């Protein structure tokens, strides 16, 4: 998993840079201008980090999934074993 704070910080910084470039209406020419236009003006980098942040928040880690599954099965087995003597009476 990626650090969520780092993703949020990079999204915020890229958003500030993108909006600054857009508002200042810099004339972009040449290879550097093409790169800046592709990455910053089109907001591709901002959307990429924003979607990475959302995906990082919504997907659980395998460790969390195993802990939840282990607790579920453990409670299920305890409940099953505690009900077995009552079912035989």
N, C-alpha and C. Protein backbone atom coordinates (compact mmCIF):
# COMPACT_ATOMS: atom_id res chain seq x y z
N UNK A 1 0.83 -1.18 0.00
CA UNK A 1 0.00 0.00 0.00
C UNK A 1 0.89 1.25 0.00
N UNK A 2 0.40 2.25 -0.65
CA UNK A 2 1.10 3.52 -0.73
C UNK A 2 0.60 4.41 0.40
N UNK A 3 1.47 5.26 0.89
CA UNK A 3 1.09 6.17 1.95
C UNK A 3 0.01 7.13 1.47
N UNK A 4 -1.12 7.15 2.15
CA UNK A 4 -2.25 7.98 1.74
C UNK A 4 -1.93 9.46 1.85
N UNK A 5 -1.20 9.84 2.87
CA UNK A 5 -0.84 11.25 3.04
C UNK A 5 0.02 11.74 1.88
N UNK A 6 0.93 10.90 1.41
CA UNK A 6 1.78 11.27 0.29
C UNK A 6 0.95 11.43 -0.99
N UNK A 7 0.00 10.56 -1.21
CA UNK A 7 -0.87 10.68 -2.38
C UNK A 7 -1.70 11.96 -2.32
N UNK A 8 -2.25 12.27 -1.16
CA UNK A 8 -3.05 13.49 -1.03
C UNK A 8 -2.20 14.74 -1.20
N UNK A 9 -0.99 14.72 -0.66
CA UNK A 9 -0.10 15.87 -0.80
C UNK A 9 0.31 16.07 -2.26
N UNK A 10 0.65 14.99 -2.95
CA UNK A 10 1.06 15.13 -4.35
C UNK A 10 -0.12 15.58 -5.22
N UNK A 11 -1.33 15.13 -4.90
CA UNK A 11 -2.51 15.59 -5.64
C UNK A 11 -2.72 17.08 -5.44
N UNK A 12 -2.58 17.53 -4.21
CA UNK A 12 -2.77 18.95 -3.93
C UNK A 12 -1.72 19.81 -4.62
N UNK A 13 -0.46 19.38 -4.57
CA UNK A 13 0.62 20.14 -5.21
C UNK A 13 0.42 20.18 -6.72
N UNK A 14 0.09 19.05 -7.32
CA UNK A 14 -0.15 19.02 -8.76
C UNK A 14 -1.35 19.87 -9.16
N UNK A 15 -2.36 19.90 -8.32
CA UNK A 15 -3.53 20.73 -8.61
C UNK A 15 -3.17 22.22 -8.56
N UNK A 16 -2.35 22.61 -7.59
CA UNK A 16 -1.91 24.01 -7.50
C UNK A 16 -1.06 24.37 -8.71
N UNK A 17 -0.14 23.49 -9.09
CA UNK A 17 0.72 23.77 -10.26
C UNK A 17 -0.11 23.83 -11.53
N UNK A 18 -1.04 22.90 -11.68
CA UNK A 18 -1.88 22.87 -12.88
C UNK A 18 -2.72 24.13 -13.02
N UNK A 19 -3.34 24.54 -11.94
CA UNK A 19 -4.17 25.74 -12.01
C UNK A 19 -3.33 27.00 -12.20
N UNK A 20 -2.13 27.01 -11.64
CA UNK A 20 -1.23 28.16 -11.84
C UNK A 20 -0.82 28.29 -13.30
N UNK A 21 -0.50 27.17 -13.93
CA UNK A 21 -0.12 27.18 -15.35
C UNK A 21 -1.31 27.58 -16.21
N UNK A 22 -2.50 27.11 -15.86
CA UNK A 22 -3.69 27.45 -16.64
C UNK A 22 -4.05 28.93 -16.53
N UNK A 23 -3.98 29.47 -15.33
CA UNK A 23 -4.37 30.86 -15.11
C UNK A 23 -3.37 31.83 -15.75
N UNK A 24 -2.09 31.47 -15.68
CA UNK A 24 -1.06 32.37 -16.20
C UNK A 24 -1.02 32.38 -17.72
N UNK A 25 -1.65 31.43 -18.36
CA UNK A 25 -1.70 31.29 -19.83
C UNK A 25 -0.33 31.49 -20.48
N UNK A 26 0.61 30.68 -20.07
CA UNK A 26 1.97 30.69 -20.62
C UNK A 26 1.93 30.12 -22.04
N UNK A 27 2.70 30.73 -22.93
CA UNK A 27 2.80 30.22 -24.30
C UNK A 27 3.73 29.02 -24.29
N UNK A 28 3.22 27.86 -24.60
CA UNK A 28 3.98 26.62 -24.57
C UNK A 28 4.37 26.22 -25.99
N UNK A 29 5.68 26.14 -26.22
CA UNK A 29 6.16 25.72 -27.54
C UNK A 29 7.35 24.79 -27.39
N UNK A 30 7.58 24.00 -28.38
CA UNK A 30 8.71 23.08 -28.37
C UNK A 30 8.39 21.81 -27.59
N UNK A 31 9.44 21.03 -27.35
CA UNK A 31 9.28 19.75 -26.66
C UNK A 31 8.85 19.95 -25.21
N UNK A 32 9.44 20.93 -24.54
CA UNK A 32 9.07 21.19 -23.15
C UNK A 32 7.62 21.69 -23.07
N UNK A 33 7.23 22.53 -23.98
CA UNK A 33 5.86 23.02 -24.02
C UNK A 33 4.86 21.90 -24.26
N UNK A 34 5.22 20.98 -25.15
CA UNK A 34 4.35 19.84 -25.42
C UNK A 34 4.20 18.97 -24.17
N UNK A 35 5.33 18.74 -23.48
CA UNK A 35 5.30 17.93 -22.26
C UNK A 35 4.45 18.61 -21.18
N UNK A 36 4.66 19.90 -20.98
CA UNK A 36 3.89 20.62 -19.96
C UNK A 36 2.41 20.64 -20.31
N UNK A 37 2.11 20.79 -21.59
CA UNK A 37 0.71 20.79 -22.02
C UNK A 37 0.09 19.42 -21.80
N UNK A 38 0.82 18.38 -22.12
CA UNK A 38 0.30 17.02 -21.97
C UNK A 38 0.09 16.65 -20.51
N UNK A 39 1.02 17.03 -19.66
CA UNK A 39 0.96 16.60 -18.27
C UNK A 39 0.17 17.57 -17.39
N UNK A 40 0.46 18.85 -17.49
CA UNK A 40 -0.12 19.81 -16.55
C UNK A 40 -1.42 20.44 -17.03
N UNK A 41 -1.43 20.96 -18.23
CA UNK A 41 -2.62 21.69 -18.69
C UNK A 41 -3.80 20.74 -18.87
N UNK A 42 -3.53 19.53 -19.32
CA UNK A 42 -4.62 18.57 -19.51
C UNK A 42 -5.04 17.90 -18.21
N UNK A 43 -4.37 18.18 -17.11
CA UNK A 43 -4.66 17.66 -15.77
C UNK A 43 -4.53 16.14 -15.67
N UNK A 44 -3.75 15.52 -16.54
CA UNK A 44 -3.57 14.06 -16.48
C UNK A 44 -2.88 13.63 -15.20
N UNK A 45 -1.84 14.35 -14.80
CA UNK A 45 -1.10 13.97 -13.59
C UNK A 45 -1.96 14.14 -12.35
N UNK A 46 -2.77 15.19 -12.32
CA UNK A 46 -3.65 15.42 -11.17
C UNK A 46 -4.68 14.32 -11.06
N UNK A 47 -5.30 13.97 -12.18
CA UNK A 47 -6.31 12.90 -12.15
C UNK A 47 -5.68 11.56 -11.80
N UNK A 48 -4.47 11.32 -12.28
CA UNK A 48 -3.79 10.05 -11.99
C UNK A 48 -3.56 9.89 -10.49
N UNK A 49 -3.04 10.92 -9.84
CA UNK A 49 -2.80 10.82 -8.40
C UNK A 49 -4.11 10.82 -7.61
N UNK A 50 -5.12 11.53 -8.11
CA UNK A 50 -6.41 11.54 -7.42
C UNK A 50 -7.06 10.16 -7.47
N UNK A 51 -7.03 9.52 -8.63
CA UNK A 51 -7.60 8.17 -8.74
C UNK A 51 -6.78 7.16 -7.94
N UNK A 52 -5.48 7.34 -7.90
CA UNK A 52 -4.65 6.45 -7.08
C UNK A 52 -5.01 6.59 -5.61
N UNK A 53 -5.29 7.80 -5.17
CA UNK A 53 -5.70 8.04 -3.80
C UNK A 53 -7.03 7.38 -3.49
N UNK A 54 -7.98 7.48 -4.41
CA UNK A 54 -9.30 6.87 -4.21
C UNK A 54 -9.19 5.35 -4.18
N UNK A 55 -8.41 4.80 -5.10
CA UNK A 55 -8.23 3.35 -5.14
C UNK A 55 -7.54 2.86 -3.88
N UNK A 56 -6.57 3.63 -3.39
CA UNK A 56 -5.86 3.25 -2.18
C UNK A 56 -6.80 3.25 -0.97
N UNK A 57 -7.77 4.14 -0.95
CA UNK A 57 -8.72 4.18 0.16
C UNK A 57 -9.76 3.06 0.07
N UNK A 58 -10.14 2.68 -1.12
CA UNK A 58 -11.23 1.72 -1.25
C UNK A 58 -10.80 0.26 -1.25
N UNK A 59 -9.57 -0.02 -1.55
CA UNK A 59 -9.14 -1.43 -1.57
C UNK A 59 -8.49 -1.79 -0.25
N UNK A 60 -8.98 -2.83 0.39
CA UNK A 60 -8.37 -3.26 1.65
C UNK A 60 -7.08 -4.03 1.38
N UNK A 61 -6.19 -3.97 2.32
CA UNK A 61 -4.94 -4.71 2.17
C UNK A 61 -5.20 -6.20 2.43
N UNK A 62 -4.36 -7.06 1.89
CA UNK A 62 -4.56 -8.50 2.15
C UNK A 62 -4.50 -8.85 3.63
N UNK A 63 -3.67 -8.15 4.39
CA UNK A 63 -3.59 -8.40 5.83
C UNK A 63 -4.89 -8.10 6.53
N UNK A 64 -5.54 -7.00 6.15
CA UNK A 64 -6.83 -6.67 6.75
C UNK A 64 -7.88 -7.69 6.36
N UNK A 65 -7.85 -8.13 5.11
CA UNK A 65 -8.83 -9.12 4.66
C UNK A 65 -8.66 -10.43 5.41
N UNK A 66 -7.43 -10.86 5.62
CA UNK A 66 -7.19 -12.11 6.34
C UNK A 66 -7.60 -12.00 7.80
N UNK A 67 -7.35 -10.83 8.41
CA UNK A 67 -7.76 -10.65 9.81
C UNK A 67 -9.27 -10.70 9.93
N UNK A 68 -9.97 -10.05 9.02
CA UNK A 68 -11.43 -10.05 9.07
C UNK A 68 -11.96 -11.47 8.84
N UNK A 69 -11.40 -12.17 7.85
CA UNK A 69 -11.85 -13.54 7.57
C UNK A 69 -11.54 -14.45 8.75
N UNK A 70 -10.37 -14.27 9.37
CA UNK A 70 -10.00 -15.11 10.50
C UNK A 70 -10.95 -14.87 11.67
N UNK A 71 -11.28 -13.62 11.95
CA UNK A 71 -12.21 -13.33 13.04
C UNK A 71 -13.59 -13.89 12.74
N UNK A 72 -14.03 -13.79 11.50
CA UNK A 72 -15.35 -14.29 11.13
C UNK A 72 -15.42 -15.81 11.33
N UNK A 73 -14.42 -16.51 10.82
CA UNK A 73 -14.44 -17.97 10.93
C UNK A 73 -14.23 -18.41 12.37
N UNK A 74 -13.44 -17.66 13.12
CA UNK A 74 -13.22 -18.00 14.51
C UNK A 74 -14.52 -17.89 15.31
N UNK A 75 -15.26 -16.78 15.11
CA UNK A 75 -16.53 -16.62 15.80
C UNK A 75 -17.54 -17.66 15.34
N UNK A 76 -17.49 -17.98 14.04
CA UNK A 76 -18.41 -18.98 13.52
C UNK A 76 -18.14 -20.35 14.15
N UNK A 77 -16.86 -20.70 14.29
CA UNK A 77 -16.51 -21.98 14.89
C UNK A 77 -16.84 -22.01 16.37
N UNK A 78 -16.60 -20.91 17.07
CA UNK A 78 -16.93 -20.86 18.49
C UNK A 78 -18.44 -21.00 18.67
N UNK A 79 -19.19 -20.29 17.82
CA UNK A 79 -20.65 -20.40 17.90
C UNK A 79 -21.12 -21.81 17.57
N UNK A 80 -20.48 -22.45 16.61
CA UNK A 80 -20.87 -23.80 16.22
C UNK A 80 -20.59 -24.78 17.34
N UNK A 81 -19.41 -24.68 17.94
CA UNK A 81 -19.05 -25.62 19.01
C UNK A 81 -19.88 -25.36 20.27
N UNK A 82 -20.26 -24.13 20.52
CA UNK A 82 -21.04 -23.88 21.72
C UNK A 82 -22.48 -24.34 21.54
N UNK A 83 -22.95 -24.45 20.30
CA UNK A 83 -24.33 -24.89 20.06
C UNK A 83 -24.45 -26.40 19.92
N UNK A 84 -23.35 -27.08 19.70
CA UNK A 84 -23.41 -28.52 19.49
C UNK A 84 -23.94 -29.25 20.73
N UNK A 85 -23.47 -28.98 21.94
CA UNK A 85 -24.02 -29.71 23.10
C UNK A 85 -25.52 -29.48 23.30
N UNK A 86 -25.99 -28.29 22.97
CA UNK A 86 -27.42 -28.00 23.14
C UNK A 86 -28.24 -28.77 22.10
N UNK A 87 -27.66 -28.97 20.92
CA UNK A 87 -28.39 -29.68 19.87
C UNK A 87 -28.51 -31.16 20.17
N UNK A 88 -27.59 -31.72 20.93
CA UNK A 88 -27.63 -33.16 21.20
C UNK A 88 -28.52 -33.51 22.38
N UNK A 89 -28.91 -32.53 23.15
CA UNK A 89 -29.74 -32.83 24.33
C UNK A 89 -31.18 -33.01 23.93
